[in-house]
Amino acid sequence: MAVAANAVYIVELALIYDADTAGDLKLGWTIPAGASITNVADSMLTGTAAATTDDQMTAGTTNPVAGGLGAGTNCGFVGKWLLTISSTSGTLQLQWAQGTSSATATRLFAGSYLLAQRVG
């Protein structure tokens, strides 16, 4: 998604995914040169999730790793970031991969979304 120079955005991400318990889901961002992105809060399964009760609230983790409960068991991730753009406009892009290499695919599903609202 395109972002303007000298702007501030609230970025919200809600993902539906499944992942092997060893593979997990790692998130990251591509942002314009000189920009910064700071995690405000996220809610996810821990990186070593063994049951749906292993959830956590965190902040300050720009590249979180969310746990998986196995292929075919949907999990949820919700996060918010503050994106501050300097004088260079560009693109905000979500990057995702397995947290740890696994032969079982980590998958994102329809209904997931990324929303960026300019607030400054």
PDB file of N, CA and C in Angstrom:
ATOM      1  N   MET A   1       0.846  -1.158   0.000  1.00  0.00           N
ATOM      2  CA  MET A   1       0.000   0.000   0.000  1.00  0.00           C
ATOM      3  C   MET A   1       0.900   1.231   0.000  1.00  0.00           C
ATOM      4  N   ALA A   2       0.512   2.215  -0.771  1.00  0.00           N
ATOM      5  CA  ALA A   2       1.293   3.447  -0.886  1.00  0.00           C
ATOM      6  C   ALA A   2       1.117   4.307   0.358  1.00  0.00           C
ATOM      7  N   VAL A   3       2.220   4.887   0.846  1.00  0.00           N
ATOM      8  CA  VAL A   3       2.176   5.792   1.982  1.00  0.00           C
ATOM      9  C   VAL A   3       2.849   7.106   1.602  1.00  0.00           C
ATOM     10  N   ALA A   4       2.321   8.207   2.128  1.00  0.00           N
ATOM     11  CA  ALA A   4       2.783   9.549   1.770  1.00  0.00           C
ATOM     12  C   ALA A   4       3.964   9.987   2.622  1.00  0.00           C
ATOM     13  N   ALA A   5       4.763  10.878   2.069  1.00  0.00           N
ATOM     14  CA  ALA A   5       5.886  11.464   2.807  1.00  0.00           C
ATOM     15  C   ALA A   5       5.357  12.333   3.944  1.00  0.00           C
ATOM     16  N   ASN A   6       6.139  12.450   5.018  1.00  0.00           N
ATOM     17  CA  ASN A   6       5.833  13.311   6.162  1.00  0.00           C
ATOM     18  C   ASN A   6       4.451  13.027   6.751  1.00  0.00           C
ATOM     19  N   ALA A   7       4.120  11.760   6.894  1.00  0.00           N
ATOM     20  CA  ALA A   7       2.818  11.359   7.409  1.00  0.00           C
ATOM     21  C   ALA A   7       2.979  10.350   8.541  1.00  0.00           C
ATOM     22  N   VAL A   8       1.918  10.190   9.336  1.00  0.00           N
ATOM     23  CA  VAL A   8       1.869   9.205  10.410  1.00  0.00           C
ATOM     24  C   VAL A   8       0.624   8.357  10.191  1.00  0.00           C
ATOM     25  N   TYR A   9       0.773   7.039  10.337  1.00  0.00           N
ATOM     26  CA  TYR A   9      -0.326   6.103  10.123  1.00  0.00           C
ATOM     27  C   TYR A   9      -0.468   5.173  11.327  1.00  0.00           C
ATOM     28  N   ILE A  10      -1.699   4.797  11.619  1.00  0.00           N
ATOM     29  CA  ILE A  10      -1.979   3.668  12.490  1.00  0.00           C
ATOM     30  C   ILE A  10      -2.199   2.481  11.556  1.00  0.00           C
ATOM     31  N   VAL A  11      -1.453   1.414  11.769  1.00  0.00           N
ATOM     32  CA  VAL A  11      -1.541   0.213  10.924  1.00  0.00           C
ATOM     33  C   VAL A  11      -2.156  -0.899  11.763  1.00  0.00           C
ATOM     34  N   GLU A  12      -3.213  -1.492  11.252  1.00  0.00           N
ATOM     35  CA  GLU A  12      -3.891  -2.592  11.938  1.00  0.00           C
ATOM     36  C   GLU A  12      -3.842  -3.826  11.054  1.00  0.00           C
ATOM     37  N   LEU A  13      -3.543  -4.947  11.668  1.00  0.00           N
ATOM     38  CA  LEU A  13      -3.418  -6.205  10.946  1.00  0.00           C
ATOM     39  C   LEU A  13      -4.220  -7.268  11.680  1.00  0.00           C
ATOM     40  N   ALA A  14      -5.051  -7.990  10.954  1.00  0.00           N
ATOM     41  CA  ALA A  14      -5.790  -9.120  11.516  1.00  0.00           C
ATOM     42  C   ALA A  14      -5.615 -10.289  10.553  1.00  0.00           C
ATOM     43  N   LEU A  15      -5.043 -11.375  11.040  1.00  0.00           N
ATOM     44  CA  LEU A  15      -4.735 -12.521  10.185  1.00  0.00           C
ATOM     45  C   LEU A  15      -5.441 -13.772  10.673  1.00  0.00           C
ATOM     46  N   ILE A  16      -5.908 -14.553   9.726  1.00  0.00           N
ATOM     47  CA  ILE A  16      -6.364 -15.914   9.976  1.00  0.00           C
ATOM     48  C   ILE A  16      -5.318 -16.805   9.311  1.00  0.00           C
ATOM     49  N   TYR A  17      -4.743 -17.723  10.053  1.00  0.00           N
ATOM     50  CA  TYR A  17      -3.666 -18.551   9.511  1.00  0.00           C
ATOM     51  C   TYR A  17      -3.697 -19.928  10.151  1.00  0.00           C
ATOM     52  N   ASP A  18      -2.980 -20.847   9.531  1.00  0.00           N
ATOM     53  CA  ASP A  18      -2.658 -22.099  10.214  1.00  0.00           C
ATOM     54  C   ASP A  18      -1.178 -22.371  10.018  1.00  0.00           C
ATOM     55  N   ALA A  19      -0.596 -23.048  10.983  1.00  0.00           N
ATOM     56  CA  ALA A  19       0.839 -23.308  10.963  1.00  0.00           C
ATOM     57  C   ALA A  19       1.134 -24.540  11.795  1.00  0.00           C
ATOM     58  N   ASP A  20       2.149 -25.262  11.388  1.00  0.00           N
ATOM     59  CA  ASP A  20       2.655 -26.384  12.172  1.00  0.00           C
ATOM     60  C   ASP A  20       3.114 -25.866  13.532  1.00  0.00           C
ATOM     61  N   THR A  21       2.997 -26.686  14.553  1.00  0.00           N
ATOM     62  CA  THR A  21       3.414 -26.250  15.894  1.00  0.00           C
ATOM     63  C   THR A  21       4.903 -25.919  15.954  1.00  0.00           C
ATOM     64  N   ALA A  22       5.691 -26.478  15.048  1.00  0.00           N
ATOM     65  CA  ALA A  22       7.120 -26.162  15.000  1.00  0.00           C
ATOM     66  C   ALA A  22       7.416 -25.035  14.013  1.00  0.00           C
ATOM     67  N   GLY A  23       6.517 -24.793  13.046  1.00  0.00           N
ATOM     68  CA  GLY A  23       6.763 -23.809  11.989  1.00  0.00           C
ATOM     69  C   GLY A  23       6.420 -22.381  12.371  1.00  0.00           C
ATOM     70  N   ASP A  24       5.242 -22.185  12.987  1.00  0.00           N
ATOM     71  CA  ASP A  24       4.799 -20.873  13.444  1.00  0.00           C
ATOM     72  C   ASP A  24       4.634 -19.880  12.286  1.00  0.00           C
ATOM     73  N   LEU A  25       4.444 -18.615  12.602  1.00  0.00           N
ATOM     74  CA  LEU A  25       4.236 -17.534  11.636  1.00  0.00           C
ATOM     75  C   LEU A  25       5.050 -16.331  12.080  1.00  0.00           C
ATOM     76  N   LYS A  26       6.001 -15.900  11.245  1.00  0.00           N
ATOM     77  CA  LYS A  26       6.833 -14.735  11.545  1.00  0.00           C
ATOM     78  C   LYS A  26       6.398 -13.587  10.640  1.00  0.00           C
ATOM     79  N   LEU A  27       6.280 -12.387  11.215  1.00  0.00           N
ATOM     80  CA  LEU A  27       5.848 -11.210  10.480  1.00  0.00           C
ATOM     81  C   LEU A  27       6.965 -10.179  10.419  1.00  0.00           C
ATOM     82  N   GLY A  28       6.955  -9.385   9.369  1.00  0.00           N
ATOM     83  CA  GLY A  28       7.893  -8.288   9.208  1.00  0.00           C
ATOM     84  C   GLY A  28       7.308  -7.261   8.251  1.00  0.00           C
ATOM     85  N   TRP A  29       8.016  -6.172   8.046  1.00  0.00           N
ATOM     86  CA  TRP A  29       7.528  -5.080   7.211  1.00  0.00           C
ATOM     87  C   TRP A  29       8.611  -4.568   6.284  1.00  0.00           C
ATOM     88  N   THR A  30       8.200  -4.103   5.112  1.00  0.00           N
ATOM     89  CA  THR A  30       9.025  -3.287   4.233  1.00  0.00           C
ATOM     90  C   THR A  30       8.424  -1.895   4.283  1.00  0.00           C
ATOM     91  N   ILE A  31       9.249  -0.884   4.598  1.00  0.00           N
ATOM     92  CA  ILE A  31       8.782   0.491   4.720  1.00  0.00           C
ATOM     93  C   ILE A  31       9.729   1.405   3.951  1.00  0.00           C
ATOM     94  N   PRO A  32       9.303   2.628   3.630  1.00  0.00           N
ATOM     95  CA  PRO A  32      10.178   3.551   2.900  1.00  0.00           C
ATOM     96  C   PRO A  32      11.452   3.902   3.681  1.00  0.00           C
ATOM     97  N   ALA A  33      12.478   4.294   2.963  1.00  0.00           N
ATOM     98  CA  ALA A  33      13.735   4.719   3.583  1.00  0.00           C
ATOM     99  C   ALA A  33      13.472   5.856   4.558  1.00  0.00           C
ATOM    100  N   GLY A  34      14.053   5.780   5.745  1.00  0.00           N
ATOM    101  CA  GLY A  34      13.919   6.815   6.757  1.00  0.00           C
ATOM    102  C   GLY A  34      12.675   6.707   7.615  1.00  0.00           C
ATOM    103  N   ALA A  35      11.775   5.792   7.287  1.00  0.00           N
ATOM    104  CA  ALA A  35      10.537   5.614   8.062  1.00  0.00           C
ATOM    105  C   ALA A  35      10.813   4.718   9.267  1.00  0.00           C
ATOM    106  N   SER A  36       9.897   4.737  10.239  1.00  0.00           N
ATOM    107  CA  SER A  36       9.987   3.835  11.384  1.00  0.00           C
ATOM    108  C   SER A  36       8.612   3.238  11.648  1.00  0.00           C
ATOM    109  N   ILE A  37       8.604   2.002  12.118  1.00  0.00           N
ATOM    110  CA  ILE A  37       7.356   1.337  12.468  1.00  0.00           C
ATOM    111  C   ILE A  37       7.530   0.729  13.857  1.00  0.00           C
ATOM    112  N   THR A  38       6.606   1.065  14.763  1.00  0.00           N
ATOM    113  CA  THR A  38       6.687   0.638  16.151  1.00  0.00           C
ATOM    114  C   THR A  38       5.428  -0.112  16.527  1.00  0.00           C
ATOM    115  N   ASN A  39       5.591  -1.299  17.090  1.00  0.00           N
ATOM    116  CA  ASN A  39       4.453  -2.095  17.522  1.00  0.00           C
ATOM    117  C   ASN A  39       3.823  -1.471  18.758  1.00  0.00           C
ATOM    118  N   VAL A  40       2.517  -1.260  18.709  1.00  0.00           N
ATOM    119  CA  VAL A  40       1.783  -0.716  19.835  1.00  0.00           C
ATOM    120  C   VAL A  40       1.233  -1.853  20.693  1.00  0.00           C
ATOM    121  N   ALA A  41       0.636  -2.860  20.035  1.00  0.00           N
ATOM    122  CA  ALA A  41       0.102  -4.014  20.763  1.00  0.00           C
ATOM    123  C   ALA A  41      -0.229  -5.116  19.779  1.00  0.00           C
ATOM    124  N   ASP A  42      -0.066  -6.350  20.209  1.00  0.00           N
ATOM    125  CA  ASP A  42      -0.579  -7.460  19.423  1.00  0.00           C
ATOM    126  C   ASP A  42      -1.030  -8.577  20.349  1.00  0.00           C
ATOM    127  N   SER A  43      -1.940  -9.374  19.824  1.00  0.00           N
ATOM    128  CA  SER A  43      -2.471 -10.515  20.553  1.00  0.00           C
ATOM    129  C   SER A  43      -2.287 -11.733  19.666  1.00  0.00           C
ATOM    130  N   MET A  44      -1.627 -12.768  20.208  1.00  0.00           N
ATOM    131  CA  MET A  44      -1.296 -13.929  19.395  1.00  0.00           C
ATOM    132  C   MET A  44      -1.041 -15.132  20.279  1.00  0.00           C
ATOM    133  N   LEU A  45      -0.942 -16.288  19.643  1.00  0.00           N
ATOM    134  CA  LEU A  45      -0.460 -17.485  20.321  1.00  0.00           C
ATOM    135  C   LEU A  45       1.033 -17.350  20.511  1.00  0.00           C
ATOM    136  N   THR A  46       1.572 -17.910  21.562  1.00  0.00           N
ATOM    137  CA  THR A  46       3.019 -17.847  21.771  1.00  0.00           C
ATOM    138  C   THR A  46       3.741 -18.656  20.710  1.00  0.00           C
ATOM    139  N   GLY A  47       5.018 -18.420  20.560  1.00  0.00           N
ATOM    140  CA  GLY A  47       5.829 -19.150  19.587  1.00  0.00           C
ATOM    141  C   GLY A  47       5.953 -20.622  19.896  1.00  0.00           C
ATOM    142  N   THR A  48       5.547 -21.035  21.091  1.00  0.00           N
ATOM    143  CA  THR A  48       5.617 -22.451  21.460  1.00  0.00           C
ATOM    144  C   THR A  48       4.230 -22.961  21.833  1.00  0.00           C
ATOM    145  N   ALA A  49       3.220 -22.441  21.147  1.00  0.00           N
ATOM    146  CA  ALA A  49       1.833 -22.773  21.493  1.00  0.00           C
ATOM    147  C   ALA A  49       1.573 -24.271  21.406  1.00  0.00           C
ATOM    148  N   ALA A  50       0.993 -24.815  22.450  1.00  0.00           N
ATOM    149  CA  ALA A  50       0.601 -26.222  22.471  1.00  0.00           C
ATOM    150  C   ALA A  50      -0.898 -26.354  22.673  1.00  0.00           C
ATOM    151  N   ALA A  51      -1.544 -25.271  23.068  1.00  0.00           N
ATOM    152  CA  ALA A  51      -2.988 -25.285  23.295  1.00  0.00           C
ATOM    153  C   ALA A  51      -3.527 -23.884  23.072  1.00  0.00           C
ATOM    154  N   THR A  52      -4.802 -23.773  22.832  1.00  0.00           N
ATOM    155  CA  THR A  52      -5.377 -22.463  22.532  1.00  0.00           C
ATOM    156  C   THR A  52      -5.304 -21.507  23.711  1.00  0.00           C
ATOM    157  N   THR A  53      -4.939 -21.976  24.877  1.00  0.00           N
ATOM    158  CA  THR A  53      -4.821 -21.093  26.039  1.00  0.00           C
ATOM    159  C   THR A  53      -3.456 -20.418  26.114  1.00  0.00           C
ATOM    160  N   ASP A  54      -2.537 -20.758  25.224  1.00  0.00           N
ATOM    161  CA  ASP A  54      -1.189 -20.174  25.235  1.00  0.00           C
ATOM    162  C   ASP A  54      -1.158 -18.868  24.446  1.00  0.00           C
ATOM    163  N   ASP A  55      -1.948 -17.879  24.857  1.00  0.00           N
ATOM    164  CA  ASP A  55      -1.946 -16.623  24.128  1.00  0.00           C
ATOM    165  C   ASP A  55      -1.217 -15.554  24.927  1.00  0.00           C
ATOM    166  N   GLN A  56      -0.856 -14.470  24.244  1.00  0.00           N
ATOM    167  CA  GLN A  56      -0.119 -13.407  24.906  1.00  0.00           C
ATOM    168  C   GLN A  56      -0.450 -12.066  24.279  1.00  0.00           C
ATOM    169  N   MET A  57      -0.314 -11.012  25.068  1.00  0.00           N
ATOM    170  CA  MET A  57      -0.385  -9.638  24.588  1.00  0.00           C
ATOM    171  C   MET A  57       1.023  -9.085  24.686  1.00  0.00           C
ATOM    172  N   THR A  58       1.498  -8.477  23.614  1.00  0.00           N
ATOM    173  CA  THR A  58       2.840  -7.912  23.624  1.00  0.00           C
ATOM    174  C   THR A  58       2.815  -6.522  23.011  1.00  0.00           C
ATOM    175  N   ALA A  59       3.898  -5.795  23.176  1.00  0.00           N
ATOM    176  CA  ALA A  59       4.098  -4.495  22.543  1.00  0.00           C
ATOM    177  C   ALA A  59       5.588  -4.319  22.321  1.00  0.00           C
ATOM    178  N   GLY A  60       5.944  -3.490  21.365  1.00  0.00           N
ATOM    179  CA  GLY A  60       7.345  -3.213  21.103  1.00  0.00           C
ATOM    180  C   GLY A  60       8.041  -4.277  20.278  1.00  0.00           C
ATOM    181  N   THR A  61       7.285  -5.241  19.739  1.00  0.00           N
ATOM    182  CA  THR A  61       7.873  -6.303  18.923  1.00  0.00           C
ATOM    183  C   THR A  61       7.505  -6.047  17.466  1.00  0.00           C
ATOM    184  N   THR A  62       8.418  -5.448  16.709  1.00  0.00           N
ATOM    185  CA  THR A  62       8.127  -5.096  15.324  1.00  0.00           C
ATOM    186  C   THR A  62       7.965  -6.329  14.451  1.00  0.00           C
ATOM    187  N   ASN A  63       8.714  -7.393  14.717  1.00  0.00           N
ATOM    188  CA  ASN A  63       8.661  -8.615  13.921  1.00  0.00           C
ATOM    189  C   ASN A  63       8.265  -9.804  14.791  1.00  0.00           C
ATOM    190  N   PRO A  64       7.001  -9.876  15.200  1.00  0.00           N
ATOM    191  CA  PRO A  64       6.581 -10.948  16.113  1.00  0.00           C
ATOM    192  C   PRO A  64       6.542 -12.318  15.445  1.00  0.00           C
ATOM    193  N   VAL A  65       6.640 -13.369  16.253  1.00  0.00           N
ATOM    194  CA  VAL A  65       6.453 -14.752  15.807  1.00  0.00           C
ATOM    195  C   VAL A  65       5.255 -15.300  16.567  1.00  0.00           C
ATOM    196  N   ALA A  66       4.215 -15.680  15.813  1.00  0.00           N
ATOM    197  CA  ALA A  66       2.995 -16.222  16.409  1.00  0.00           C
ATOM    198  C   ALA A  66       3.011 -17.736  16.276  1.00  0.00           C
ATOM    199  N   GLY A  67       2.548 -18.421  17.297  1.00  0.00           N
ATOM    200  CA  GLY A  67       2.544 -19.873  17.320  1.00  0.00           C
ATOM    201  C   GLY A  67       1.482 -20.476  16.415  1.00  0.00           C
ATOM    202  N   GLY A  68       1.674 -21.747  16.092  1.00  0.00           N
ATOM    203  CA  GLY A  68       0.713 -22.504  15.312  1.00  0.00           C
ATOM    204  C   GLY A  68       0.195 -23.680  16.107  1.00  0.00           C
ATOM    205  N   LEU A  69      -0.994 -24.142  15.738  1.00  0.00           N
ATOM    206  CA  LEU A  69      -1.606 -25.280  16.424  1.00  0.00           C
ATOM    207  C   LEU A  69      -1.708 -26.497  15.521  1.00  0.00           C
ATOM    208  N   GLY A  70      -1.033 -26.462  14.369  1.00  0.00           N
ATOM    209  CA  GLY A  70      -1.047 -27.581  13.438  1.00  0.00           C
ATOM    210  C   GLY A  70      -1.862 -27.273  12.201  1.00  0.00           C
ATOM    211  N   ALA A  71      -1.517 -27.929  11.108  1.00  0.00           N
ATOM    212  CA  ALA A  71      -2.225 -27.750   9.845  1.00  0.00           C
ATOM    213  C   ALA A  71      -3.698 -28.061  10.044  1.00  0.00           C
ATOM    214  N   GLY A  72      -4.559 -27.209   9.489  1.00  0.00           N
ATOM    215  CA  GLY A  72      -5.989 -27.425   9.581  1.00  0.00           C
ATOM    216  C   GLY A  72      -6.646 -26.818  10.804  1.00  0.00           C
ATOM    217  N   THR A  73      -5.871 -26.253  11.722  1.00  0.00           N
ATOM    218  CA  THR A  73      -6.428 -25.592  12.906  1.00  0.00           C
ATOM    219  C   THR A  73      -6.176 -24.094  12.769  1.00  0.00           C
ATOM    220  N   ASN A  74      -7.232 -23.343  12.482  1.00  0.00           N
ATOM    221  CA  ASN A  74      -7.076 -21.909  12.273  1.00  0.00           C
ATOM    222  C   ASN A  74      -6.685 -21.199  13.559  1.00  0.00           C
ATOM    223  N   CYS A  75      -5.817 -20.207  13.411  1.00  0.00           N
ATOM    224  CA  CYS A  75      -5.354 -19.359  14.502  1.00  0.00           C
ATOM    225  C   CYS A  75      -5.612 -17.908  14.105  1.00  0.00           C
ATOM    226  N   GLY A  76      -5.587 -17.009  15.080  1.00  0.00           N
ATOM    227  CA  GLY A  76      -5.770 -15.594  14.807  1.00  0.00           C
ATOM    228  C   GLY A  76      -4.627 -14.773  15.351  1.00  0.00           C
ATOM    229  N   PHE A  77      -4.315 -13.703  14.635  1.00  0.00           N
ATOM    230  CA  PHE A  77      -3.308 -12.727  15.065  1.00  0.00           C
ATOM    231  C   PHE A  77      -3.910 -11.348  14.848  1.00  0.00           C
ATOM    232  N   VAL A  78      -3.828 -10.478  15.852  1.00  0.00           N
ATOM    233  CA  VAL A  78      -4.283  -9.097  15.729  1.00  0.00           C
ATOM    234  C   VAL A  78      -3.164  -8.202  16.236  1.00  0.00           C
ATOM    235  N   GLY A  79      -2.797  -7.190  15.459  1.00  0.00           N
ATOM    236  CA  GLY A  79      -1.729  -6.292  15.876  1.00  0.00           C
ATOM    237  C   GLY A  79      -1.951  -4.875  15.395  1.00  0.00           C
ATOM    238  N   LYS A  80      -1.330  -3.914  16.108  1.00  0.00           N
ATOM    239  CA  LYS A  80      -1.374  -2.502  15.728  1.00  0.00           C
ATOM    240  C   LYS A  80       0.031  -1.927  15.805  1.00  0.00           C
ATOM    241  N   TRP A  81       0.356  -1.082  14.827  1.00  0.00           N
ATOM    242  CA  TRP A  81       1.654  -0.432  14.751  1.00  0.00           C
ATOM    243  C   TRP A  81       1.462   1.053  14.497  1.00  0.00           C
ATOM    244  N   LEU A  82       2.462   1.844  14.855  1.00  0.00           N
ATOM    245  CA  LEU A  82       2.517   3.262  14.521  1.00  0.00           C
ATOM    246  C   LEU A  82       3.615   3.413  13.471  1.00  0.00           C
ATOM    247  N   LEU A  83       3.234   3.887  12.292  1.00  0.00           N
ATOM    248  CA  LEU A  83       4.161   4.069  11.172  1.00  0.00           C
ATOM    249  C   LEU A  83       4.397   5.550  10.964  1.00  0.00           C
ATOM    250  N   THR A  84       5.657   5.969  11.067  1.00  0.00           N
ATOM    251  CA  THR A  84       6.020   7.370  10.887  1.00  0.00           C
ATOM    252  C   THR A  84       6.907   7.477   9.644  1.00  0.00           C
ATOM    253  N   ILE A  85       6.426   8.232   8.658  1.00  0.00           N
ATOM    254  CA  ILE A  85       7.133   8.380   7.384  1.00  0.00           C
ATOM    255  C   ILE A  85       7.904   9.690   7.402  1.00  0.00           C
ATOM    256  N   SER A  86       9.160   9.647   6.980  1.00  0.00           N
ATOM    257  CA  SER A  86       9.965  10.866   6.882  1.00  0.00           C
ATOM    258  C   SER A  86       9.676  11.529   5.533  1.00  0.00           C
ATOM    259  N   SER A  87      10.658  12.119   4.926  1.00  0.00           N
ATOM    260  CA  SER A  87      10.458  12.881   3.682  1.00  0.00           C
ATOM    261  C   SER A  87      10.381  12.010   2.429  1.00  0.00           C
ATOM    262  N   THR A  88      10.480  10.694   2.575  1.00  0.00           N
ATOM    263  CA  THR A  88      10.436   9.794   1.422  1.00  0.00           C
ATOM    264  C   THR A  88       9.155   8.969   1.441  1.00  0.00           C
ATOM    265  N   SER A  89       8.287   9.185   0.448  1.00  0.00           N
ATOM    266  CA  SER A  89       7.086   8.353   0.335  1.00  0.00           C
ATOM    267  C   SER A  89       7.495   6.971  -0.170  1.00  0.00           C
ATOM    268  N   GLY A  90       6.556   6.056  -0.199  1.00  0.00           N
ATOM    269  CA  GLY A  90       6.893   4.721  -0.686  1.00  0.00           C
ATOM    270  C   GLY A  90       5.797   3.729  -0.400  1.00  0.00           C
ATOM    271  N   THR A  91       6.200   2.499  -0.107  1.00  0.00           N
ATOM    272  CA  THR A  91       5.262   1.400   0.050  1.00  0.00           C
ATOM    273  C   THR A  91       5.396   0.757   1.429  1.00  0.00           C
ATOM    274  N   LEU A  92       4.251   0.493   2.045  1.00  0.00           N
ATOM    275  CA  LEU A  92       4.171  -0.331   3.245  1.00  0.00           C
ATOM    276  C   LEU A  92       3.775  -1.714   2.774  1.00  0.00           C
ATOM    277  N   GLN A  93       4.574  -2.706   3.111  1.00  0.00           N
ATOM    278  CA  GLN A  93       4.293  -4.069   2.670  1.00  0.00           C
ATOM    279  C   GLN A  93       4.532  -5.045   3.812  1.00  0.00           C
ATOM    280  N   LEU A  94       3.531  -5.906   4.049  1.00  0.00           N
ATOM    281  CA  LEU A  94       3.671  -6.972   5.035  1.00  0.00           C
ATOM    282  C   LEU A  94       4.527  -8.087   4.454  1.00  0.00           C
ATOM    283  N   GLN A  95       5.448  -8.600   5.256  1.00  0.00           N
ATOM    284  CA  GLN A  95       6.231  -9.782   4.897  1.00  0.00           C
ATOM    285  C   GLN A  95       5.900 -10.868   5.908  1.00  0.00           C
ATOM    286  N   TRP A  96       5.787 -12.094   5.454  1.00  0.00           N
ATOM    287  CA  TRP A  96       5.514 -13.190   6.380  1.00  0.00           C
ATOM    288  C   TRP A  96       6.195 -14.456   5.894  1.00  0.00           C
ATOM    289  N   ALA A  97       6.510 -15.303   6.853  1.00  0.00           N
ATOM    290  CA  ALA A  97       7.190 -16.570   6.573  1.00  0.00           C
ATOM    291  C   ALA A  97       7.021 -17.464   7.794  1.00  0.00           C
ATOM    292  N   GLN A  98       7.543 -18.664   7.707  1.00  0.00           N
ATOM    293  CA  GLN A  98       7.578 -19.531   8.880  1.00  0.00           C
ATOM    294  C   GLN A  98       8.603 -18.980   9.864  1.00  0.00           C
ATOM    295  N   GLY A  99       8.294 -19.091  11.146  1.00  0.00           N
ATOM    296  CA  GLY A  99       9.248 -18.675  12.171  1.00  0.00           C
ATOM    297  C   GLY A  99      10.427 -19.622  12.232  1.00  0.00           C
ATOM    298  N   THR A 100      10.169 -20.923  12.019  1.00  0.00           N
ATOM    299  CA  THR A 100      11.169 -21.970  11.966  1.00  0.00           C
ATOM    300  C   THR A 100      10.825 -22.864  10.784  1.00  0.00           C
ATOM    301  N   SER A 101      11.808 -23.240  10.009  1.00  0.00           N
ATOM    302  CA  SER A 101      11.561 -24.066   8.828  1.00  0.00           C
ATOM    303  C   SER A 101      10.815 -25.348   9.198  1.00  0.00           C
ATOM    304  N   SER A 102       9.761 -25.640   8.428  1.00  0.00           N
ATOM    305  CA  SER A 102       8.949 -26.833   8.643  1.00  0.00           C
ATOM    306  C   SER A 102       8.478 -27.341   7.290  1.00  0.00           C
ATOM    307  N   ALA A 103       8.377 -28.654   7.128  1.00  0.00           N
ATOM    308  CA  ALA A 103       7.879 -29.245   5.886  1.00  0.00           C
ATOM    309  C   ALA A 103       6.392 -28.970   5.703  1.00  0.00           C
ATOM    310  N   THR A 104       5.676 -28.641   6.782  1.00  0.00           N
ATOM    311  CA  THR A 104       4.252 -28.326   6.719  1.00  0.00           C
ATOM    312  C   THR A 104       4.090 -26.837   6.454  1.00  0.00           C
ATOM    313  N   ALA A 105       3.344 -26.489   5.419  1.00  0.00           N
ATOM    314  CA  ALA A 105       3.178 -25.088   5.018  1.00  0.00           C
ATOM    315  C   ALA A 105       2.483 -24.265   6.098  1.00  0.00           C
ATOM    316  N   THR A 106       2.900 -23.016   6.224  1.00  0.00           N
ATOM    317  CA  THR A 106       2.183 -22.008   6.995  1.00  0.00           C
ATOM    318  C   THR A 106       1.331 -21.246   5.998  1.00  0.00           C
ATOM    319  N   ARG A 107       0.034 -21.077   6.279  1.00  0.00           N
ATOM    320  CA  ARG A 107      -0.877 -20.479   5.297  1.00  0.00           C
ATOM    321  C   ARG A 107      -1.671 -19.329   5.916  1.00  0.00           C
ATOM    322  N   LEU A 108      -1.873 -18.248   5.108  1.00  0.00           N
ATOM    323  CA  LEU A 108      -2.783 -17.164   5.459  1.00  0.00           C
ATOM    324  C   LEU A 108      -4.067 -17.376   4.676  1.00  0.00           C
ATOM    325  N   PHE A 109      -5.206 -16.985   5.274  1.00  0.00           N
ATOM    326  CA  PHE A 109      -6.500 -17.253   4.657  1.00  0.00           C
ATOM    327  C   PHE A 109      -7.279 -15.984   4.335  1.00  0.00           C
ATOM    328  N   ALA A 110      -8.236 -16.139   3.415  1.00  0.00           N
ATOM    329  CA  ALA A 110      -9.162 -15.065   3.075  1.00  0.00           C
ATOM    330  C   ALA A 110      -9.865 -14.605   4.335  1.00  0.00           C
ATOM    331  N   GLY A 111     -10.158 -13.318   4.382  1.00  0.00           N
ATOM    332  CA  GLY A 111     -10.752 -12.713   5.572  1.00  0.00           C
ATOM    333  C   GLY A 111      -9.718 -11.984   6.411  1.00  0.00           C
ATOM    334  N   SER A 112      -8.432 -12.249   6.146  1.00  0.00           N
ATOM    335  CA  SER A 112      -7.359 -11.496   6.804  1.00  0.00           C
ATOM    336  C   SER A 112      -7.334 -10.091   6.189  1.00  0.00           C
ATOM    337  N   TYR A 113      -6.861  -9.097   6.976  1.00  0.00           N
ATOM    338  CA  TYR A 113      -6.792  -7.762   6.394  1.00  0.00           C
ATOM    339  C   TYR A 113      -5.664  -6.929   6.992  1.00  0.00           C
ATOM    340  N   LEU A 114      -5.271  -5.918   6.207  1.00  0.00           N
ATOM    341  CA  LEU A 114      -4.298  -4.905   6.609  1.00  0.00           C
ATOM    342  C   LEU A 114      -4.965  -3.562   6.356  1.00  0.00           C
ATOM    343  N   LEU A 115      -4.978  -2.713   7.363  1.00  0.00           N
ATOM    344  CA  LEU A 115      -5.603  -1.407   7.274  1.00  0.00           C
ATOM    345  C   LEU A 115      -4.608  -0.364   7.761  1.00  0.00           C
ATOM    346  N   ALA A 116      -4.407   0.678   6.985  1.00  0.00           N
ATOM    347  CA  ALA A 116      -3.549   1.788   7.414  1.00  0.00           C
ATOM    348  C   ALA A 116      -4.358   3.074   7.314  1.00  0.00           C
ATOM    349  N   GLN A 117      -4.481   3.789   8.424  1.00  0.00           N
ATOM    350  CA  GLN A 117      -5.235   5.026   8.456  1.00  0.00           C
ATOM    351  C   GLN A 117      -4.287   6.163   8.794  1.00  0.00           C
ATOM    352  N   ARG A 118      -4.277   7.178   7.948  1.00  0.00           N
ATOM    353  CA  ARG A 118      -3.424   8.331   8.199  1.00  0.00           C
ATOM    354  C   ARG A 118      -3.989   9.150   9.349  1.00  0.00           C
ATOM    355  N   VAL A 119      -3.130   9.452  10.336  1.00  0.00           N
ATOM    356  CA  VAL A 119      -3.555  10.214  11.498  1.00  0.00           C
ATOM    357  C   VAL A 119      -2.717  11.480  11.689  1.00  0.00           C
ATOM    358  N   GLY A 120      -1.753  11.689  10.835  1.00  0.00           N
ATOM    359  CA  GLY A 120      -0.902  12.881  10.962  1.00  0.00           C
ATOM    360  C   GLY A 120      -0.148  13.156   9.701  1.00  0.00           C
TER     361      GLY A 120
END
